[in-house]
Amino acid sequence: ILGRMYAVLRKRRGEILAEDLREGTHLFLISASLPVVESFGFANDLRKNTSGAAHPQLVFSHYEALPQDPLFVVATEEEQEALDDGDLPTINIARKLM
């Protein structure tokens, strides 16, 4: 179940902050950070992929700036080479969310 839960979080750009096993039970408490835009439909997706074994509790935590410029356009050959070499991300998430 944990592997399927991690897969759902990874697919939605989630970041695991802490994981804890409750003593005397078979329950895990996982704390993770998930972008708000990725949280829509998360509960249903998580339950579907874990056959109802995982129960999320979503709470807003903080704002965080994206590390990319939504208006970035490749202008030079060096930037294009960096993009081709994998030094720059191929998908501009900031532009996608605009």
C-alpha atoms as a PDB file:
ATOM      1  CA  ILE A   1       0.000   0.000   0.000  1.00  0.00           C
ATOM      2  CA  LEU A   2       2.844   2.398   0.799  1.00  0.00           C
ATOM      3  CA  GLY A   3       4.380   1.951  -2.655  1.00  0.00           C
ATOM      4  CA  ARG A   4       1.095   2.775  -4.367  1.00  0.00           C
ATOM      5  CA  MET A   5       0.616   5.794  -2.106  1.00  0.00           C
ATOM      6  CA  TYR A   6       4.116   7.065  -2.894  1.00  0.00           C
ATOM      7  CA  ALA A   7       3.405   6.587  -6.607  1.00  0.00           C
ATOM      8  CA  VAL A   8       0.290   8.788  -6.372  1.00  0.00           C
ATOM      9  CA  LEU A   9       2.236  11.472  -4.495  1.00  0.00           C
ATOM     10  CA  ARG A  10       5.123  11.338  -6.971  1.00  0.00           C
ATOM     11  CA  LYS A  11       2.733  11.626  -9.928  1.00  0.00           C
ATOM     12  CA  ARG A  12       1.272  14.776  -8.364  1.00  0.00           C
ATOM     13  CA  ARG A  13       4.637  16.386  -7.511  1.00  0.00           C
ATOM     14  CA  GLY A  14       4.244  15.617  -3.801  1.00  0.00           C
ATOM     15  CA  GLU A  15       7.128  15.731  -1.347  1.00  0.00           C
ATOM     16  CA  ILE A  16       7.272  13.401   1.666  1.00  0.00           C
ATOM     17  CA  LEU A  17       8.061  15.353   4.839  1.00  0.00           C
ATOM     18  CA  ALA A  18       7.792  12.620   7.489  1.00  0.00           C
ATOM     19  CA  GLU A  19       6.592   9.089   7.982  1.00  0.00           C
ATOM     20  CA  ASP A  20       5.790   7.432  11.275  1.00  0.00           C
ATOM     21  CA  LEU A  21       4.524   4.012  12.348  1.00  0.00           C
ATOM     22  CA  ARG A  22       1.931   4.225  15.127  1.00  0.00           C
ATOM     23  CA  GLU A  23       3.063   1.999  17.982  1.00  0.00           C
ATOM     24  CA  GLY A  24       0.823  -0.946  18.710  1.00  0.00           C
ATOM     25  CA  THR A  25      -1.012  -0.661  15.369  1.00  0.00           C
ATOM     26  CA  HIS A  26      -0.433  -1.346  11.701  1.00  0.00           C
ATOM     27  CA  LEU A  27      -1.082   2.322  10.819  1.00  0.00           C
ATOM     28  CA  PHE A  28       1.386   4.648   9.120  1.00  0.00           C
ATOM     29  CA  LEU A  29       1.166   8.423   9.411  1.00  0.00           C
ATOM     30  CA  ILE A  30       2.666  10.089   6.339  1.00  0.00           C
ATOM     31  CA  SER A  31       3.126  13.867   6.194  1.00  0.00           C
ATOM     32  CA  ALA A  32       3.616  15.252   2.719  1.00  0.00           C
ATOM     33  CA  SER A  33       3.528  18.557   0.886  1.00  0.00           C
ATOM     34  CA  LEU A  34       1.414  18.702  -2.269  1.00  0.00           C
ATOM     35  CA  PRO A  35       0.822  21.672  -4.601  1.00  0.00           C
ATOM     36  CA  VAL A  36      -2.764  22.938  -4.331  1.00  0.00           C
ATOM     37  CA  VAL A  37      -3.348  22.612  -8.067  1.00  0.00           C
ATOM     38  CA  GLU A  38      -2.402  18.923  -7.824  1.00  0.00           C
ATOM     39  CA  SER A  39      -4.681  18.310  -4.822  1.00  0.00           C
ATOM     40  CA  PHE A  40      -7.927  18.363  -6.809  1.00  0.00           C
ATOM     41  CA  GLY A  41      -9.061  14.756  -7.097  1.00  0.00           C
ATOM     42  CA  PHE A  42      -6.166  13.562  -4.927  1.00  0.00           C
ATOM     43  CA  ALA A  43      -8.346  11.851  -2.313  1.00  0.00           C
ATOM     44  CA  ASN A  44     -10.263   9.852  -4.929  1.00  0.00           C
ATOM     45  CA  ASP A  45      -7.064   8.943  -6.795  1.00  0.00           C
ATOM     46  CA  LEU A  46      -5.352   7.834  -3.573  1.00  0.00           C
ATOM     47  CA  ARG A  47      -8.295   5.726  -2.442  1.00  0.00           C
ATOM     48  CA  LYS A  48      -8.626   4.155  -5.885  1.00  0.00           C
ATOM     49  CA  ASN A  49      -4.940   3.220  -6.089  1.00  0.00           C
ATOM     50  CA  THR A  50      -4.795   1.861  -2.517  1.00  0.00           C
ATOM     51  CA  SER A  51      -8.161   0.045  -2.695  1.00  0.00           C
ATOM     52  CA  GLY A  52      -9.552   2.331   0.000  1.00  0.00           C
ATOM     53  CA  ALA A  53      -6.809   1.585   2.530  1.00  0.00           C
ATOM     54  CA  ALA A  54      -5.417   5.145   2.628  1.00  0.00           C
ATOM     55  CA  HIS A  55      -7.391   8.076   4.039  1.00  0.00           C
ATOM     56  CA  PRO A  56      -5.954  11.529   3.275  1.00  0.00           C
ATOM     57  CA  GLN A  57      -6.458  14.664   5.310  1.00  0.00           C
ATOM     58  CA  LEU A  58      -5.666  17.774   3.258  1.00  0.00           C
ATOM     59  CA  VAL A  59      -4.737  20.959   5.128  1.00  0.00           C
ATOM     60  CA  PHE A  60      -3.352  24.144   3.563  1.00  0.00           C
ATOM     61  CA  SER A  61       0.154  24.804   4.821  1.00  0.00           C
ATOM     62  CA  HIS A  62       1.964  27.569   2.915  1.00  0.00           C
ATOM     63  CA  TYR A  63       2.642  29.325  -0.353  1.00  0.00           C
ATOM     64  CA  GLU A  64       5.838  28.606  -2.266  1.00  0.00           C
ATOM     65  CA  ALA A  65       7.148  30.261  -5.422  1.00  0.00           C
ATOM     66  CA  LEU A  66       7.851  28.045  -8.411  1.00  0.00           C
ATOM     67  CA  PRO A  67      11.528  27.852  -9.383  1.00  0.00           C
ATOM     68  CA  GLN A  68      10.765  28.522 -13.058  1.00  0.00           C
ATOM     69  CA  ASP A  69       9.941  31.654 -15.026  1.00  0.00           C
ATOM     70  CA  PRO A  70       6.568  31.272 -16.788  1.00  0.00           C
ATOM     71  CA  LEU A  71       7.683  33.684 -19.514  1.00  0.00           C
ATOM     72  CA  PHE A  72      10.991  31.909 -20.292  1.00  0.00           C
ATOM     73  CA  VAL A  73      11.646  31.480 -24.013  1.00  0.00           C
ATOM     74  CA  VAL A  74      14.801  29.935 -25.480  1.00  0.00           C
ATOM     75  CA  ALA A  75      16.674  32.878 -26.993  1.00  0.00           C
ATOM     76  CA  THR A  76      20.266  31.716 -27.433  1.00  0.00           C
ATOM     77  CA  GLU A  77      22.076  28.616 -28.652  1.00  0.00           C
ATOM     78  CA  GLU A  78      23.524  28.091 -25.152  1.00  0.00           C
ATOM     79  CA  GLU A  79      20.014  27.963 -23.657  1.00  0.00           C
ATOM     80  CA  GLN A  80      18.913  25.501 -26.342  1.00  0.00           C
ATOM     81  CA  GLU A  81      21.938  23.290 -25.651  1.00  0.00           C
ATOM     82  CA  ALA A  82      21.220  23.420 -21.904  1.00  0.00           C
ATOM     83  CA  LEU A  83      17.632  22.398 -22.643  1.00  0.00           C
ATOM     84  CA  ASP A  84      18.771  19.530 -24.876  1.00  0.00           C
ATOM     85  CA  ASP A  85      21.374  18.345 -22.329  1.00  0.00           C
ATOM     86  CA  GLY A  86      18.809  18.211 -19.531  1.00  0.00           C
ATOM     87  CA  ASP A  87      20.265  21.115 -17.542  1.00  0.00           C
ATOM     88  CA  LEU A  88      16.947  22.945 -17.898  1.00  0.00           C
ATOM     89  CA  PRO A  89      13.573  21.307 -17.240  1.00  0.00           C
ATOM     90  CA  THR A  90      11.797  20.309 -20.460  1.00  0.00           C
ATOM     91  CA  ILE A  91       8.336  21.139 -19.110  1.00  0.00           C
ATOM     92  CA  ASN A  92       7.796  24.641 -17.765  1.00  0.00           C
ATOM     93  CA  ILE A  93       5.258  23.965 -15.016  1.00  0.00           C
ATOM     94  CA  ALA A  94       4.861  27.681 -14.251  1.00  0.00           C
ATOM     95  CA  ARG A  95       3.753  28.347 -17.845  1.00  0.00           C
ATOM     96  CA  LYS A  96       1.458  25.313 -17.783  1.00  0.00           C
ATOM     97  CA  LEU A  97      -0.311  26.660 -14.690  1.00  0.00           C
ATOM     98  CA  MET A  98      -0.805  30.196 -16.069  1.00  0.00           C
END
